[in-house]
């Protein structure tokens, strides 16, 4: 049996703490609101560059936003 680690995220939690909408975060990282929604709902795995841009926009370290489960 193969154990697969899946990339999870806490984007929604950190966005809420900053009172930031999906659209506002999307604008900061130059993607659509739908892209942010898809990442938050684990339907889309962001590129390393986009993941880092999200972390910078949220003012959080990578490991505070993304983790494996």
N, C-alpha and C. Protein backbone atom coordinates (compact mmCIF):
# COMPACT_ATOMS: atom_id res chain seq x y z
N UNK A 1 0.84 -1.18 0.00
CA UNK A 1 0.00 0.00 0.00
C UNK A 1 0.88 1.25 0.00
N UNK A 2 0.59 2.14 -0.89
CA UNK A 2 1.40 3.35 -1.07
C UNK A 2 0.83 4.52 -0.28
N UNK A 3 1.67 5.14 0.54
CA UNK A 3 1.26 6.34 1.28
C UNK A 3 1.65 7.56 0.47
N UNK A 4 0.68 8.36 0.11
CA UNK A 4 0.94 9.56 -0.67
C UNK A 4 0.71 10.79 0.19
N UNK A 5 1.68 11.67 0.16
CA UNK A 5 1.53 12.94 0.86
C UNK A 5 0.87 13.94 -0.08
N UNK A 6 -0.09 14.65 0.42
CA UNK A 6 -0.78 15.66 -0.38
C UNK A 6 -0.53 17.03 0.22
N UNK A 7 -0.28 17.99 -0.67
CA UNK A 7 -0.04 19.36 -0.24
C UNK A 7 -1.35 19.98 0.24
N UNK A 8 -1.36 20.43 1.47
CA UNK A 8 -2.51 21.10 2.08
C UNK A 8 -2.15 22.57 2.27
N UNK A 9 -3.13 23.39 2.61
CA UNK A 9 -2.81 24.79 2.84
C UNK A 9 -3.75 25.42 3.86
N UNK A 10 -3.28 26.53 4.40
CA UNK A 10 -4.05 27.32 5.36
C UNK A 10 -4.30 28.73 4.80
N UNK A 11 -4.43 28.82 3.49
CA UNK A 11 -4.62 30.13 2.86
C UNK A 11 -5.87 30.81 3.39
N UNK A 12 -6.97 30.08 3.44
CA UNK A 12 -8.25 30.67 3.87
C UNK A 12 -8.13 31.25 5.29
N UNK A 13 -7.48 30.51 6.17
CA UNK A 13 -7.33 30.95 7.56
C UNK A 13 -6.52 32.25 7.64
N UNK A 14 -5.38 32.29 6.93
CA UNK A 14 -4.54 33.50 6.99
C UNK A 14 -5.20 34.67 6.27
N UNK A 15 -5.95 34.40 5.21
CA UNK A 15 -6.68 35.46 4.52
C UNK A 15 -7.70 36.08 5.46
N UNK A 16 -8.43 35.21 6.18
CA UNK A 16 -9.45 35.69 7.11
C UNK A 16 -8.82 36.54 8.21
N UNK A 17 -7.67 36.12 8.68
CA UNK A 17 -6.99 36.89 9.73
C UNK A 17 -6.65 38.30 9.24
N UNK A 18 -6.31 38.40 7.97
CA UNK A 18 -5.98 39.70 7.39
C UNK A 18 -7.20 40.42 6.81
N UNK A 19 -8.37 39.80 6.95
CA UNK A 19 -9.62 40.34 6.38
C UNK A 19 -9.45 40.63 4.89
N UNK A 20 -8.89 39.65 4.20
CA UNK A 20 -8.60 39.78 2.77
C UNK A 20 -9.51 38.82 1.99
N UNK A 21 -10.10 39.30 0.93
CA UNK A 21 -10.95 38.45 0.09
C UNK A 21 -10.08 37.63 -0.86
N UNK A 22 -10.69 36.61 -1.45
CA UNK A 22 -9.98 35.83 -2.47
C UNK A 22 -9.57 36.75 -3.62
N UNK A 23 -10.43 37.66 -3.99
CA UNK A 23 -10.14 38.58 -5.08
C UNK A 23 -8.96 39.49 -4.78
N UNK A 24 -8.89 39.97 -3.55
CA UNK A 24 -7.77 40.84 -3.15
C UNK A 24 -6.45 40.07 -3.18
N UNK A 25 -6.46 38.84 -2.67
CA UNK A 25 -5.24 38.03 -2.71
C UNK A 25 -4.86 37.72 -4.15
N UNK A 26 -5.85 37.38 -4.95
CA UNK A 26 -5.61 37.07 -6.36
C UNK A 26 -4.96 38.25 -7.08
N UNK A 27 -5.45 39.45 -6.80
CA UNK A 27 -4.89 40.64 -7.42
C UNK A 27 -3.42 40.84 -7.01
N UNK A 28 -3.13 40.60 -5.74
CA UNK A 28 -1.75 40.76 -5.24
C UNK A 28 -0.77 39.80 -5.91
N UNK A 29 -1.24 38.59 -6.24
CA UNK A 29 -0.33 37.59 -6.82
C UNK A 29 -0.55 37.40 -8.32
N UNK A 30 -1.41 38.25 -8.89
CA UNK A 30 -1.63 38.29 -10.34
C UNK A 30 -2.22 36.99 -10.91
N UNK A 31 -3.26 36.47 -10.24
CA UNK A 31 -4.02 35.33 -10.75
C UNK A 31 -5.50 35.66 -10.59
N UNK A 32 -6.37 34.79 -11.05
CA UNK A 32 -7.81 35.02 -10.91
C UNK A 32 -8.29 34.60 -9.52
N UNK A 33 -9.44 35.13 -9.14
CA UNK A 33 -10.06 34.73 -7.88
C UNK A 33 -10.36 33.24 -7.89
N UNK A 34 -10.74 32.72 -9.05
CA UNK A 34 -11.05 31.30 -9.18
C UNK A 34 -9.82 30.43 -8.90
N UNK A 35 -8.63 30.93 -9.28
CA UNK A 35 -7.40 30.19 -9.00
C UNK A 35 -7.18 30.08 -7.50
N UNK A 36 -7.36 31.17 -6.78
CA UNK A 36 -7.21 31.15 -5.32
C UNK A 36 -8.23 30.18 -4.72
N UNK A 37 -9.45 30.23 -5.17
CA UNK A 37 -10.50 29.33 -4.69
C UNK A 37 -10.10 27.87 -4.93
N UNK A 38 -9.62 27.58 -6.12
CA UNK A 38 -9.22 26.21 -6.46
C UNK A 38 -8.06 25.72 -5.60
N UNK A 39 -7.13 26.61 -5.28
CA UNK A 39 -6.01 26.23 -4.42
C UNK A 39 -6.52 25.97 -3.00
N UNK A 40 -7.35 26.86 -2.49
CA UNK A 40 -7.89 26.70 -1.14
C UNK A 40 -8.67 25.40 -0.99
N UNK A 41 -9.38 25.00 -2.04
CA UNK A 41 -10.21 23.80 -2.01
C UNK A 41 -9.48 22.55 -2.50
N UNK A 42 -8.16 22.67 -2.64
CA UNK A 42 -7.29 21.54 -3.01
C UNK A 42 -7.64 20.93 -4.37
N UNK A 43 -8.20 21.75 -5.26
CA UNK A 43 -8.50 21.31 -6.61
C UNK A 43 -7.35 21.62 -7.56
N UNK A 44 -6.44 22.50 -7.13
CA UNK A 44 -5.31 22.92 -7.95
C UNK A 44 -4.10 23.08 -7.05
N UNK A 45 -2.98 22.53 -7.48
CA UNK A 45 -1.73 22.64 -6.74
C UNK A 45 -0.91 23.77 -7.37
N UNK A 46 -0.59 24.81 -6.61
CA UNK A 46 0.12 25.94 -7.19
C UNK A 46 1.57 25.61 -7.52
N UNK A 47 2.11 26.33 -8.47
CA UNK A 47 3.54 26.21 -8.77
C UNK A 47 4.32 26.72 -7.56
N UNK A 48 5.59 26.40 -7.51
CA UNK A 48 6.43 26.88 -6.41
C UNK A 48 6.44 28.41 -6.38
N UNK A 49 6.51 29.02 -7.55
CA UNK A 49 6.54 30.49 -7.63
C UNK A 49 5.25 31.08 -7.07
N UNK A 50 4.10 30.53 -7.49
CA UNK A 50 2.82 31.06 -7.02
C UNK A 50 2.67 30.82 -5.52
N UNK A 51 3.08 29.66 -5.03
CA UNK A 51 3.00 29.38 -3.59
C UNK A 51 3.82 30.40 -2.81
N UNK A 52 5.00 30.73 -3.28
CA UNK A 52 5.84 31.71 -2.59
C UNK A 52 5.24 33.11 -2.66
N UNK A 53 4.65 33.47 -3.79
CA UNK A 53 4.00 34.77 -3.92
C UNK A 53 2.83 34.89 -2.94
N UNK A 54 2.08 33.80 -2.77
CA UNK A 54 0.97 33.79 -1.82
C UNK A 54 1.50 34.00 -0.40
N UNK A 55 2.58 33.32 -0.07
CA UNK A 55 3.18 33.47 1.26
C UNK A 55 3.63 34.91 1.50
N UNK A 56 4.25 35.51 0.50
CA UNK A 56 4.69 36.91 0.64
C UNK A 56 3.48 37.83 0.82
N UNK A 57 2.43 37.60 0.02
CA UNK A 57 1.23 38.44 0.12
C UNK A 57 0.56 38.30 1.48
N UNK A 58 0.64 37.11 2.07
CA UNK A 58 0.03 36.88 3.39
C UNK A 58 0.99 37.19 4.53
N UNK A 59 2.23 37.52 4.18
CA UNK A 59 3.28 37.82 5.17
C UNK A 59 3.49 36.64 6.13
N UNK A 60 3.58 35.44 5.54
CA UNK A 60 3.76 34.21 6.30
C UNK A 60 4.88 33.38 5.68
N UNK A 61 5.51 32.56 6.51
CA UNK A 61 6.52 31.62 6.02
C UNK A 61 5.82 30.50 5.26
N UNK A 62 6.54 29.90 4.33
CA UNK A 62 5.98 28.83 3.51
C UNK A 62 5.34 27.75 4.38
N UNK A 63 6.07 27.31 5.42
CA UNK A 63 5.58 26.21 6.25
C UNK A 63 4.39 26.61 7.13
N UNK A 64 4.10 27.90 7.23
CA UNK A 64 2.90 28.34 7.95
C UNK A 64 1.67 28.26 7.05
N UNK A 65 1.89 28.31 5.75
CA UNK A 65 0.77 28.31 4.81
C UNK A 65 0.56 26.93 4.18
N UNK A 66 1.65 26.27 3.80
CA UNK A 66 1.57 24.98 3.12
C UNK A 66 2.18 23.88 3.97
N UNK A 67 1.57 22.70 3.92
CA UNK A 67 2.07 21.55 4.66
C UNK A 67 1.63 20.27 3.96
N UNK A 68 2.30 19.18 4.28
CA UNK A 68 1.94 17.88 3.70
C UNK A 68 1.19 17.04 4.71
N UNK A 69 0.22 16.32 4.22
CA UNK A 69 -0.57 15.43 5.08
C UNK A 69 -0.79 14.13 4.37
